[in-house]
Amino acid sequence: MKEERKLTWEEHLAALTSYLDEKGIDLAYVAEPVDIAYLTGYSSWTEERVFALLVSRTGQALLLAPAINEGEVKQTSWADRACFYQDGENPWEKAKKRMTAWPKGFWALEARAVTLSHYRAIKEVFPEANLAADISSWLARQRMIKSPAEIEKLQAAGRLADQVLDLAFALLKAGQGMSESELALELDYQLKKKGMGDLSFPLIVQAGESAASISGLPSQKGVQAGDIVIFDLGIMKDGYASDVSRTVALGEISPAKWEIYETVRLAQETAARAARPGMTAGELEPGGPWGYRRSGLRAVLYPPLGSRDWDAGP
């Protein structure tokens, strides 16, 4: 009988267990929701409540979650490996009762996600534990390398983002005079109405002078013909996020705007062609060994090219 392939999160969890055993670490305490999803396949955001995953080097695992999440968790394969607590209860005391046979002398905390108050509370319940190790950097390195299954999910999220951009361009073209905020709200409404998924971060729409701002929020400023407009958005797909940014022109734009646009576009394309695995940012920057100054790129003032409704670019 052919062995069934493990799910992606099961492979991630097995890799963590192997790492703990190799390093002689008894227990990992993971507290960042995205990392918990990476290791369990279950995604949640519990706000101020404690939400954690405990994994031992001998293969035990326990999902520590608020009681309000119990219904959701019981629909997953973690139903028998979860510990729930009510508001007012000490979550770590409840977890300790489930961990009597666990090795737990030497811990690796996810330090970037554990607050000082939580650290002290853990130490109070587990006074014998050595909390000196940090699992954060290992998790970050693991998540950088994507499996074929993860790459497929990222590509699916990217395709959804492309569809949302098509909606964005159509809305912009049909809604001249709408504000940045109105465009963002309408786009969010349309993608939810079509069941295309959730945004991976707050949608950014910026036009005119606002388009020069980095990651600003949509304002009540109306979008006018001749504006350059930035759409920055991402879609979640099976726990994986896309993140795309597109620059478009609404109607005819001035020669000065074309000059700026084309300079940025050519610089971006030149850098993309020059980039190589292992190259540092310093080697790629302007003036570096492979930077765009070496390529001979220079700003060129483009004459008016007539009316263009759209020009997708960097």
C-alpha atoms as a PDB file:
ATOM      1  CA  MET A   1       0.000   0.000   0.000  1.00  0.00           C
ATOM      2  CA  LYS A   2       1.368   3.382  -0.984  1.00  0.00           C
ATOM      3  CA  GLU A   3       2.203   5.578   2.003  1.00  0.00           C
ATOM      4  CA  GLU A   4       0.107   8.735   2.139  1.00  0.00           C
ATOM      5  CA  ARG A   5       2.157  11.893   1.870  1.00  0.00           C
ATOM      6  CA  LYS A   6       2.183  14.059   4.960  1.00  0.00           C
ATOM      7  CA  LEU A   7       0.402  17.374   4.886  1.00  0.00           C
ATOM      8  CA  THR A   8       2.657  20.422   4.625  1.00  0.00           C
ATOM      9  CA  TRP A   9       2.189  21.434   8.268  1.00  0.00           C
ATOM     10  CA  GLU A  10       2.940  17.878   9.409  1.00  0.00           C
ATOM     11  CA  GLU A  11       6.284  18.058   7.620  1.00  0.00           C
ATOM     12  CA  HIS A  12       7.004  21.389   9.298  1.00  0.00           C
ATOM     13  CA  LEU A  13       6.148  19.975  12.725  1.00  0.00           C
ATOM     14  CA  ALA A  14       8.329  16.907  12.137  1.00  0.00           C
ATOM     15  CA  ALA A  15      11.242  19.172  11.164  1.00  0.00           C
ATOM     16  CA  LEU A  16      10.842  21.116  14.411  1.00  0.00           C
ATOM     17  CA  THR A  17      10.812  17.917  16.483  1.00  0.00           C
ATOM     18  CA  SER A  18      13.980  16.712  14.757  1.00  0.00           C
ATOM     19  CA  TYR A  19      15.682  20.048  15.377  1.00  0.00           C
ATOM     20  CA  LEU A  20      14.805  19.967  19.075  1.00  0.00           C
ATOM     21  CA  ASP A  21      16.116  16.433  19.429  1.00  0.00           C
ATOM     22  CA  GLU A  22      19.320  17.293  17.553  1.00  0.00           C
ATOM     23  CA  LYS A  23      19.999  20.328  19.776  1.00  0.00           C
ATOM     24  CA  GLY A  24      18.965  18.658  23.015  1.00  0.00           C
ATOM     25  CA  ILE A  25      16.135  21.124  23.579  1.00  0.00           C
ATOM     26  CA  ASP A  26      13.295  19.598  25.574  1.00  0.00           C
ATOM     27  CA  LEU A  27      10.490  21.907  24.562  1.00  0.00           C
ATOM     28  CA  ALA A  28       9.643  24.624  22.047  1.00  0.00           C
ATOM     29  CA  TYR A  29       7.101  27.307  22.928  1.00  0.00           C
ATOM     30  CA  VAL A  30       5.718  28.937  19.749  1.00  0.00           C
ATOM     31  CA  ALA A  31       3.531  32.015  20.199  1.00  0.00           C
ATOM     32  CA  GLU A  32       3.369  33.867  16.869  1.00  0.00           C
ATOM     33  CA  PRO A  33      -0.008  33.031  15.198  1.00  0.00           C
ATOM     34  CA  VAL A  34       1.484  32.730  11.707  1.00  0.00           C
ATOM     35  CA  ASP A  35       4.113  30.300  13.002  1.00  0.00           C
ATOM     36  CA  ILE A  36       1.466  28.280  14.824  1.00  0.00           C
ATOM     37  CA  ALA A  37      -0.454  28.043  11.551  1.00  0.00           C
ATOM     38  CA  TYR A  38       2.771  26.996   9.803  1.00  0.00           C
ATOM     39  CA  LEU A  39       3.193  24.103  12.279  1.00  0.00           C
ATOM     40  CA  THR A  40      -0.443  23.065  12.762  1.00  0.00           C
ATOM     41  CA  GLY A  41      -2.484  24.051   9.734  1.00  0.00           C
ATOM     42  CA  TYR A  42      -4.829  25.924  12.083  1.00  0.00           C
ATOM     43  CA  SER A  43      -4.996  29.692  11.757  1.00  0.00           C
ATOM     44  CA  SER A  44      -6.424  32.012  14.399  1.00  0.00           C
ATOM     45  CA  TRP A  45      -5.860  35.432  15.904  1.00  0.00           C
ATOM     46  CA  THR A  46      -6.814  35.521  19.573  1.00  0.00           C
ATOM     47  CA  GLU A  47      -5.922  39.162  20.222  1.00  0.00           C
ATOM     48  CA  GLU A  48      -5.006  39.630  23.905  1.00  0.00           C
ATOM     49  CA  ARG A  49      -5.574  36.004  24.930  1.00  0.00           C
ATOM     50  CA  VAL A  50      -2.780  33.425  25.189  1.00  0.00           C
ATOM     51  CA  PHE A  51      -2.454  31.279  22.079  1.00  0.00           C
ATOM     52  CA  ALA A  52       0.561  28.980  21.888  1.00  0.00           C
ATOM     53  CA  LEU A  53       1.925  25.699  20.591  1.00  0.00           C
ATOM     54  CA  LEU A  54       4.145  23.527  22.786  1.00  0.00           C
ATOM     55  CA  VAL A  55       6.243  20.842  21.080  1.00  0.00           C
ATOM     56  CA  SER A  56       8.627  18.395  22.788  1.00  0.00           C
ATOM     57  CA  ARG A  57      11.737  16.766  21.347  1.00  0.00           C
ATOM     58  CA  THR A  58      10.060  13.369  21.889  1.00  0.00           C
ATOM     59  CA  GLY A  59       7.167  14.220  19.567  1.00  0.00           C
ATOM     60  CA  GLN A  60       4.406  15.462  21.877  1.00  0.00           C
ATOM     61  CA  ALA A  61       2.523  18.574  20.853  1.00  0.00           C
ATOM     62  CA  LEU A  62      -0.134  20.646  22.597  1.00  0.00           C
ATOM     63  CA  LEU A  63      -2.129  23.572  21.217  1.00  0.00           C
ATOM     64  CA  LEU A  64      -2.978  25.993  24.009  1.00  0.00           C
ATOM     65  CA  ALA A  65      -6.015  28.078  23.074  1.00  0.00           C
ATOM     66  CA  PRO A  66      -8.876  30.094  24.604  1.00  0.00           C
ATOM     67  CA  ALA A  67     -12.135  28.204  25.189  1.00  0.00           C
ATOM     68  CA  ILE A  68     -13.842  30.464  22.617  1.00  0.00           C
ATOM     69  CA  ASN A  69     -11.749  28.698  19.945  1.00  0.00           C
ATOM     70  CA  GLU A  70     -12.749  25.203  21.054  1.00  0.00           C
ATOM     71  CA  GLY A  71     -15.445  24.721  18.413  1.00  0.00           C
ATOM     72  CA  GLU A  72     -13.066  25.654  15.599  1.00  0.00           C
ATOM     73  CA  VAL A  73     -10.168  23.557  16.863  1.00  0.00           C
ATOM     74  CA  LYS A  74     -12.370  20.481  17.286  1.00  0.00           C
ATOM     75  CA  GLN A  75     -13.060  20.600  13.551  1.00  0.00           C
ATOM     76  CA  THR A  76      -9.347  20.041  12.912  1.00  0.00           C
ATOM     77  CA  SER A  77      -6.947  17.187  13.554  1.00  0.00           C
ATOM     78  CA  TRP A  78      -5.807  18.989  16.716  1.00  0.00           C
ATOM     79  CA  ALA A  79      -8.975  18.199  18.674  1.00  0.00           C
ATOM     80  CA  ASP A  80      -7.185  15.628  20.875  1.00  0.00           C
ATOM     81  CA  ARG A  81      -3.987  17.664  21.162  1.00  0.00           C
ATOM     82  CA  ALA A  82      -5.510  20.907  22.391  1.00  0.00           C
ATOM     83  CA  CYS A  83      -5.859  22.442  25.829  1.00  0.00           C
ATOM     84  CA  PHE A  84      -8.536  25.085  26.347  1.00  0.00           C
ATOM     85  CA  TYR A  85      -8.865  27.605  29.142  1.00  0.00           C
ATOM     86  CA  GLN A  86     -11.583  29.994  30.244  1.00  0.00           C
ATOM     87  CA  ASP A  87     -11.013  33.691  30.838  1.00  0.00           C
ATOM     88  CA  GLY A  88      -9.803  33.999  34.422  1.00  0.00           C
ATOM     89  CA  GLU A  89      -7.988  30.648  34.369  1.00  0.00           C
ATOM     90  CA  ASN A  90      -4.207  30.359  34.201  1.00  0.00           C
ATOM     91  CA  PRO A  91      -3.521  28.842  30.754  1.00  0.00           C
ATOM     92  CA  TRP A  92      -0.056  27.592  31.671  1.00  0.00           C
ATOM     93  CA  GLU A  93      -1.312  25.757  34.751  1.00  0.00           C
ATOM     94  CA  LYS A  94      -3.881  23.969  32.608  1.00  0.00           C
ATOM     95  CA  ALA A  95      -1.187  23.079  30.070  1.00  0.00           C
ATOM     96  CA  LYS A  96       1.135  21.761  32.803  1.00  0.00           C
ATOM     97  CA  LYS A  97      -1.491  19.220  33.865  1.00  0.00           C
ATOM     98  CA  ARG A  98      -1.415  17.796  30.312  1.00  0.00           C
ATOM     99  CA  MET A  99       2.389  17.731  30.192  1.00  0.00           C
ATOM    100  CA  THR A 100       3.209  15.530  33.204  1.00  0.00           C
ATOM    101  CA  ALA A 101       5.185  12.986  31.149  1.00  0.00           C
ATOM    102  CA  TRP A 102       6.934  15.531  28.938  1.00  0.00           C
ATOM    103  CA  PRO A 103      10.629  16.379  29.050  1.00  0.00           C
ATOM    104  CA  LYS A 104      10.574  20.099  29.855  1.00  0.00           C
ATOM    105  CA  GLY A 105      13.759  21.194  31.551  1.00  0.00           C
ATOM    106  CA  PHE A 106      15.323  23.184  28.679  1.00  0.00           C
ATOM    107  CA  TRP A 107      12.937  25.396  26.693  1.00  0.00           C
ATOM    108  CA  ALA A 108      13.271  27.334  23.456  1.00  0.00           C
ATOM    109  CA  LEU A 109      10.835  30.259  23.491  1.00  0.00           C
ATOM    110  CA  GLU A 110       9.772  32.184  20.421  1.00  0.00           C
ATOM    111  CA  ALA A 111      11.237  35.287  21.997  1.00  0.00           C
ATOM    112  CA  ARG A 112       9.990  37.765  19.392  1.00  0.00           C
ATOM    113  CA  ALA A 113       6.381  36.820  20.249  1.00  0.00           C
ATOM    114  CA  VAL A 114       6.570  36.279  24.032  1.00  0.00           C
ATOM    115  CA  THR A 115       5.902  39.337  26.166  1.00  0.00           C
ATOM    116  CA  LEU A 116       7.734  39.956  29.408  1.00  0.00           C
ATOM    117  CA  SER A 117       4.540  39.351  31.397  1.00  0.00           C
ATOM    118  CA  HIS A 118       4.009  35.991  29.678  1.00  0.00           C
ATOM    119  CA  TYR A 119       7.650  35.062  30.261  1.00  0.00           C
ATOM    120  CA  ARG A 120       7.242  35.723  33.981  1.00  0.00           C
ATOM    121  CA  ALA A 121       3.967  33.780  34.100  1.00  0.00           C
ATOM    122  CA  ILE A 122       5.580  30.758  32.399  1.00  0.00           C
ATOM    123  CA  LYS A 123       8.512  30.903  34.788  1.00  0.00           C
ATOM    124  CA  GLU A 124       6.144  31.008  37.752  1.00  0.00           C
ATOM    125  CA  VAL A 125       4.283  27.853  36.625  1.00  0.00           C
ATOM    126  CA  PHE A 126       7.449  26.067  35.456  1.00  0.00           C
ATOM    127  CA  PRO A 127      10.092  27.302  37.954  1.00  0.00           C
ATOM    128  CA  GLU A 128      12.434  24.431  37.115  1.00  0.00           C
ATOM    129  CA  ALA A 129      12.497  25.294  33.401  1.00  0.00           C
ATOM    130  CA  ASN A 130      15.527  26.863  31.733  1.00  0.00           C
ATOM    131  CA  LEU A 131      14.046  29.415  29.314  1.00  0.00           C
ATOM    132  CA  ALA A 132      17.339  30.534  27.800  1.00  0.00           C
ATOM    133  CA  ALA A 133      16.985  29.339  24.187  1.00  0.00           C
ATOM    134  CA  ASP A 134      15.191  31.159  21.361  1.00  0.00           C
ATOM    135  CA  ILE A 135      13.439  29.325  18.485  1.00  0.00           C
ATOM    136  CA  SER A 136      12.614  32.513  16.513  1.00  0.00           C
ATOM    137  CA  SER A 137      15.567  32.486  14.091  1.00  0.00           C
ATOM    138  CA  TRP A 138      15.175  28.778  13.310  1.00  0.00           C
ATOM    139  CA  LEU A 139      11.488  29.248  12.466  1.00  0.00           C
ATOM    140  CA  ALA A 140      12.317  32.252  10.282  1.00  0.00           C
ATOM    141  CA  ARG A 141      14.929  30.262   8.327  1.00  0.00           C
ATOM    142  CA  GLN A 142      12.566  27.322   7.885  1.00  0.00           C
ATOM    143  CA  ARG A 143       9.788  29.508   6.550  1.00  0.00           C
ATOM    144  CA  MET A 144      12.100  31.088   3.967  1.00  0.00           C
ATOM    145  CA  ILE A 145      12.458  27.785   2.096  1.00  0.00           C
ATOM    146  CA  LYS A 146       9.216  26.813   0.386  1.00  0.00           C
ATOM    147  CA  SER A 147       8.191  23.295  -0.609  1.00  0.00           C
ATOM    148  CA  PRO A 148       6.543  22.660  -4.007  1.00  0.00           C
ATOM    149  CA  ALA A 149       3.149  22.533  -2.254  1.00  0.00           C
ATOM    150  CA  GLU A 150       3.793  25.900  -0.601  1.00  0.00           C
ATOM    151  CA  ILE A 151       4.927  27.425  -3.881  1.00  0.00           C
ATOM    152  CA  GLU A 152       1.638  26.299  -5.460  1.00  0.00           C
ATOM    153  CA  LYS A 153      -0.285  28.055  -2.686  1.00  0.00           C
ATOM    154  CA  LEU A 154       1.751  31.235  -3.167  1.00  0.00           C
ATOM    155  CA  GLN A 155       1.120  31.118  -6.906  1.00  0.00           C
ATOM    156  CA  ALA A 156      -2.610  30.653  -6.280  1.00  0.00           C
ATOM    157  CA  ALA A 157      -2.566  33.671  -3.957  1.00  0.00           C
ATOM    158  CA  GLY A 158      -0.742  35.632  -6.672  1.00  0.00           C
ATOM    159  CA  ARG A 159      -3.339  34.702  -9.292  1.00  0.00           C
ATOM    160  CA  LEU A 160      -6.093  35.914  -6.973  1.00  0.00           C
ATOM    161  CA  ALA A 161      -4.235  39.192  -6.520  1.00  0.00           C
ATOM    162  CA  ASP A 162      -4.103  39.593 -10.307  1.00  0.00           C
ATOM    163  CA  GLN A 163      -7.876  39.159 -10.459  1.00  0.00           C
ATOM    164  CA  VAL A 164      -8.347  41.763  -7.738  1.00  0.00           C
ATOM    165  CA  LEU A 165      -6.120  44.162  -9.675  1.00  0.00           C
ATOM    166  CA  ASP A 166      -8.326  43.711 -12.740  1.00  0.00           C
ATOM    167  CA  LEU A 167     -11.266  44.727 -10.554  1.00  0.00           C
ATOM    168  CA  ALA A 168      -9.275  47.678  -9.244  1.00  0.00           C
ATOM    169  CA  PHE A 169      -8.447  48.981 -12.711  1.00  0.00           C
ATOM    170  CA  ALA A 170     -12.070  48.661 -13.842  1.00  0.00           C
ATOM    171  CA  LEU A 171     -13.318  50.496 -10.749  1.00  0.00           C
ATOM    172  CA  LEU A 172     -10.789  53.280 -11.230  1.00  0.00           C
ATOM    173  CA  LYS A 173     -11.674  53.743 -14.876  1.00  0.00           C
ATOM    174  CA  ALA A 174     -15.416  53.792 -14.191  1.00  0.00           C
ATOM    175  CA  GLY A 175     -15.256  55.857 -11.010  1.00  0.00           C
ATOM    176  CA  GLN A 176     -13.258  58.949 -11.814  1.00  0.00           C
ATOM    177  CA  GLY A 177     -13.752  61.411  -8.983  1.00  0.00           C
ATOM    178  CA  MET A 178     -14.142  58.710  -6.341  1.00  0.00           C
ATOM    179  CA  SER A 179     -11.883  59.182  -3.353  1.00  0.00           C
ATOM    180  CA  GLU A 180      -9.016  56.851  -2.502  1.00  0.00           C
ATOM    181  CA  SER A 181     -11.028  55.568   0.467  1.00  0.00           C
ATOM    182  CA  GLU A 182     -14.125  54.953  -1.661  1.00  0.00           C
ATOM    183  CA  LEU A 183     -12.075  52.982  -4.176  1.00  0.00           C
ATOM    184  CA  ALA A 184     -10.495  50.899  -1.416  1.00  0.00           C
ATOM    185  CA  LEU A 185     -13.833  50.175   0.263  1.00  0.00           C
ATOM    186  CA  GLU A 186     -15.550  49.289  -3.005  1.00  0.00           C
ATOM    187  CA  LEU A 187     -12.707  47.000  -4.011  1.00  0.00           C
ATOM    188  CA  ASP A 188     -12.783  45.248  -0.622  1.00  0.00           C
ATOM    189  CA  TYR A 189     -16.548  44.823  -0.953  1.00  0.00           C
ATOM    190  CA  GLN A 190     -16.320  43.407  -4.473  1.00  0.00           C
ATOM    191  CA  LEU A 191     -13.659  40.822  -3.652  1.00  0.00           C
ATOM    192  CA  LYS A 192     -15.638  39.620  -0.616  1.00  0.00           C
ATOM    193  CA  LYS A 193     -18.836  39.537  -2.670  1.00  0.00           C
ATOM    194  CA  LYS A 194     -17.106  37.334  -5.250  1.00  0.00           C
ATOM    195  CA  GLY A 195     -15.645  35.084  -2.541  1.00  0.00           C
ATOM    196  CA  MET A 196     -12.077  35.765  -3.621  1.00  0.00           C
ATOM    197  CA  GLY A 197     -10.629  35.590  -0.112  1.00  0.00           C
ATOM    198  CA  ASP A 198      -9.362  37.958   2.553  1.00  0.00           C
ATOM    199  CA  LEU A 199      -6.827  40.724   2.210  1.00  0.00           C
ATOM    200  CA  SER A 200      -3.418  39.872   3.647  1.00  0.00           C
ATOM    201  CA  PHE A 201      -2.968  43.500   4.787  1.00  0.00           C
ATOM    202  CA  PRO A 202      -5.018  46.731   4.643  1.00  0.00           C
ATOM    203  CA  LEU A 203      -5.554  47.724   1.021  1.00  0.00           C
ATOM    204  CA  ILE A 204      -3.619  50.780  -0.113  1.00  0.00           C
ATOM    205  CA  VAL A 205      -4.891  53.150  -2.806  1.00  0.00           C
ATOM    206  CA  GLN A 206      -2.968  56.392  -3.336  1.00  0.00           C
ATOM    207  CA  ALA A 207      -3.264  58.917  -6.124  1.00  0.00           C
ATOM    208  CA  GLY A 208      -1.485  62.048  -7.287  1.00  0.00           C
ATOM    209  CA  GLU A 209       0.955  63.441  -4.746  1.00  0.00           C
ATOM    210  CA  SER A 210      -0.130  60.782  -2.237  1.00  0.00           C
ATOM    211  CA  ALA A 211       1.291  58.099  -4.560  1.00  0.00           C
ATOM    212  CA  ALA A 212       4.790  59.222  -3.548  1.00  0.00           C
ATOM    213  CA  SER A 213       4.109  58.274   0.072  1.00  0.00           C
ATOM    214  CA  ILE A 214       5.271  54.877   1.318  1.00  0.00           C
ATOM    215  CA  SER A 215       2.478  52.643   2.658  1.00  0.00           C
ATOM    216  CA  GLY A 216       0.102  55.465   3.457  1.00  0.00           C
ATOM    217  CA  LEU A 217      -3.593  54.893   4.118  1.00  0.00           C
ATOM    218  CA  PRO A 218      -6.318  55.834   1.592  1.00  0.00           C
ATOM    219  CA  SER A 219      -7.636  59.361   2.108  1.00  0.00           C
ATOM    220  CA  GLN A 220     -10.764  61.279   1.132  1.00  0.00           C
ATOM    221  CA  LYS A 221      -8.840  62.855  -1.758  1.00  0.00           C
ATOM    222  CA  GLY A 222     -10.638  62.369  -5.076  1.00  0.00           C
ATOM    223  CA  VAL A 223      -8.850  60.625  -7.946  1.00  0.00           C
ATOM    224  CA  GLN A 224      -8.704  62.806 -11.062  1.00  0.00           C
ATOM    225  CA  ALA A 225      -7.798  62.337 -14.718  1.00  0.00           C
ATOM    226  CA  GLY A 226      -4.043  62.723 -15.142  1.00  0.00           C
ATOM    227  CA  ASP A 227      -3.266  61.171 -11.764  1.00  0.00           C
ATOM    228  CA  ILE A 228      -0.778  58.375 -11.227  1.00  0.00           C
ATOM    229  CA  VAL A 229      -2.401  55.826  -8.922  1.00  0.00           C
ATOM    230  CA  ILE A 230      -0.769  53.158  -6.739  1.00  0.00           C
ATOM    231  CA  PHE A 231      -2.606  49.963  -5.779  1.00  0.00           C
ATOM    232  CA  ASP A 232      -0.896  47.876  -3.104  1.00  0.00           C
ATOM    233  CA  LEU A 233      -2.709  44.724  -2.009  1.00  0.00           C
ATOM    234  CA  GLY A 234      -2.434  41.057  -1.185  1.00  0.00           C
ATOM    235  CA  ILE A 235      -4.768  38.060  -0.869  1.00  0.00           C
ATOM    236  CA  MET A 236      -4.612  35.148   1.573  1.00  0.00           C
ATOM    237  CA  LYS A 237      -4.900  31.638   0.145  1.00  0.00           C
ATOM    238  CA  ASP A 238      -4.706  28.606   2.453  1.00  0.00           C
ATOM    239  CA  GLY A 239      -2.627  30.584   4.930  1.00  0.00           C
ATOM    240  CA  TYR A 240      -0.221  31.997   2.328  1.00  0.00           C
ATOM    241  CA  ALA A 241      -0.165  35.636   1.301  1.00  0.00           C
ATOM    242  CA  SER A 242       0.457  37.441  -1.946  1.00  0.00           C
ATOM    243  CA  ASP A 243       1.677  41.043  -2.004  1.00  0.00           C
ATOM    244  CA  VAL A 244       1.581  43.057  -5.219  1.00  0.00           C
ATOM    245  CA  SER A 245       1.919  46.719  -6.050  1.00  0.00           C
ATOM    246  CA  ARG A 246       0.961  48.292  -9.381  1.00  0.00           C
ATOM    247  CA  THR A 247       1.262  51.790 -10.769  1.00  0.00           C
ATOM    248  CA  VAL A 248      -1.316  52.953 -13.318  1.00  0.00           C
ATOM    249  CA  ALA A 249      -2.113  56.227 -15.041  1.00  0.00           C
ATOM    250  CA  LEU A 250      -5.663  57.494 -15.325  1.00  0.00           C
ATOM    251  CA  GLY A 251      -5.920  59.147 -18.718  1.00  0.00           C
ATOM    252  CA  GLU A 252      -3.135  61.241 -20.227  1.00  0.00           C
ATOM    253  CA  ILE A 253      -0.262  62.247 -17.953  1.00  0.00           C
ATOM    254  CA  SER A 254       2.386  64.949 -18.276  1.00  0.00           C
ATOM    255  CA  PRO A 255       5.882  64.418 -19.769  1.00  0.00           C
ATOM    256  CA  ALA A 256       7.406  64.963 -16.311  1.00  0.00           C
ATOM    257  CA  LYS A 257       5.340  62.132 -14.879  1.00  0.00           C
ATOM    258  CA  TRP A 258       6.318  59.863 -17.779  1.00  0.00           C
ATOM    259  CA  GLU A 259       9.965  60.651 -17.101  1.00  0.00           C
ATOM    260  CA  ILE A 260       9.664  59.675 -13.456  1.00  0.00           C
ATOM    261  CA  TYR A 261       7.675  56.555 -14.267  1.00  0.00           C
ATOM    262  CA  GLU A 262      10.027  55.329 -16.989  1.00  0.00           C
ATOM    263  CA  THR A 263      13.137  55.993 -14.878  1.00  0.00           C
ATOM    264  CA  VAL A 264      11.765  53.870 -12.040  1.00  0.00           C
ATOM    265  CA  ARG A 265      10.562  51.154 -14.425  1.00  0.00           C
ATOM    266  CA  LEU A 266      13.898  50.869 -16.212  1.00  0.00           C
ATOM    267  CA  ALA A 267      15.805  50.842 -12.915  1.00  0.00           C
ATOM    268  CA  GLN A 268      13.570  48.074 -11.601  1.00  0.00           C
ATOM    269  CA  GLU A 269      13.892  45.943 -14.733  1.00  0.00           C
ATOM    270  CA  THR A 270      17.672  46.429 -14.846  1.00  0.00           C
ATOM    271  CA  ALA A 271      18.022  45.421 -11.196  1.00  0.00           C
ATOM    272  CA  ALA A 272      15.829  42.349 -11.741  1.00  0.00           C
ATOM    273  CA  ARG A 273      17.999  41.220 -14.660  1.00  0.00           C
ATOM    274  CA  ALA A 274      21.201  41.795 -12.702  1.00  0.00           C
ATOM    275  CA  ALA A 275      20.108  40.049  -9.481  1.00  0.00           C
ATOM    276  CA  ARG A 276      21.809  36.699  -8.760  1.00  0.00           C
ATOM    277  CA  PRO A 277      21.563  34.210  -5.883  1.00  0.00           C
ATOM    278  CA  GLY A 278      23.972  35.171  -3.097  1.00  0.00           C
ATOM    279  CA  MET A 279      24.339  38.771  -4.224  1.00  0.00           C
ATOM    280  CA  THR A 280      24.230  41.418  -1.498  1.00  0.00           C
ATOM    281  CA  ALA A 281      22.023  44.495  -1.687  1.00  0.00           C
ATOM    282  CA  GLY A 282      25.197  46.597  -1.793  1.00  0.00           C
ATOM    283  CA  GLU A 283      26.344  44.824  -4.952  1.00  0.00           C
ATOM    284  CA  LEU A 284      23.024  45.500  -6.627  1.00  0.00           C
ATOM    285  CA  GLU A 285      22.541  49.108  -5.573  1.00  0.00           C
ATOM    286  CA  PRO A 286      23.249  52.046  -7.905  1.00  0.00           C
ATOM    287  CA  GLY A 287      26.989  52.328  -8.375  1.00  0.00           C
ATOM    288  CA  GLY A 288      27.638  48.788  -7.111  1.00  0.00           C
ATOM    289  CA  PRO A 289      29.457  46.167  -9.240  1.00  0.00           C
ATOM    290  CA  TRP A 290      26.193  45.231 -10.966  1.00  0.00           C
ATOM    291  CA  GLY A 291      24.114  48.310 -10.207  1.00  0.00           C
ATOM    292  CA  TYR A 292      22.131  50.153 -12.842  1.00  0.00           C
ATOM    293  CA  ARG A 293      24.826  52.820 -13.277  1.00  0.00           C
ATOM    294  CA  ARG A 294      27.058  50.084 -14.674  1.00  0.00           C
ATOM    295  CA  SER A 295      24.329  49.263 -17.194  1.00  0.00           C
ATOM    296  CA  GLY A 296      24.382  52.782 -18.558  1.00  0.00           C
ATOM    297  CA  LEU A 297      20.804  53.514 -17.511  1.00  0.00           C
ATOM    298  CA  ARG A 298      19.986  57.221 -17.378  1.00  0.00           C
ATOM    299  CA  ALA A 299      16.822  59.240 -17.151  1.00  0.00           C
ATOM    300  CA  VAL A 300      15.236  60.082 -20.490  1.00  0.00           C
ATOM    301  CA  LEU A 301      12.568  62.731 -20.900  1.00  0.00           C
ATOM    302  CA  TYR A 302       9.815  61.073 -22.914  1.00  0.00           C
ATOM    303  CA  PRO A 303       7.620  63.278 -25.127  1.00  0.00           C
ATOM    304  CA  PRO A 304       3.845  63.040 -24.731  1.00  0.00           C
ATOM    305  CA  LEU A 305       2.720  59.646 -26.008  1.00  0.00           C
ATOM    306  CA  GLY A 306      -0.924  60.515 -26.477  1.00  0.00           C
ATOM    307  CA  SER A 307      -3.802  59.435 -24.277  1.00  0.00           C
ATOM    308  CA  ARG A 308      -3.310  56.156 -22.433  1.00  0.00           C
ATOM    309  CA  ASP A 309      -5.904  54.807 -20.065  1.00  0.00           C
ATOM    310  CA  TRP A 310      -3.573  52.320 -18.433  1.00  0.00           C
ATOM    311  CA  ASP A 311       0.075  51.613 -18.091  1.00  0.00           C
ATOM    312  CA  ALA A 312       0.878  48.815 -15.690  1.00  0.00           C
ATOM    313  CA  GLY A 313       4.369  49.066 -14.283  1.00  0.00           C
ATOM    314  CA  PRO A 314       6.470  48.710 -11.172  1.00  0.00           C
END
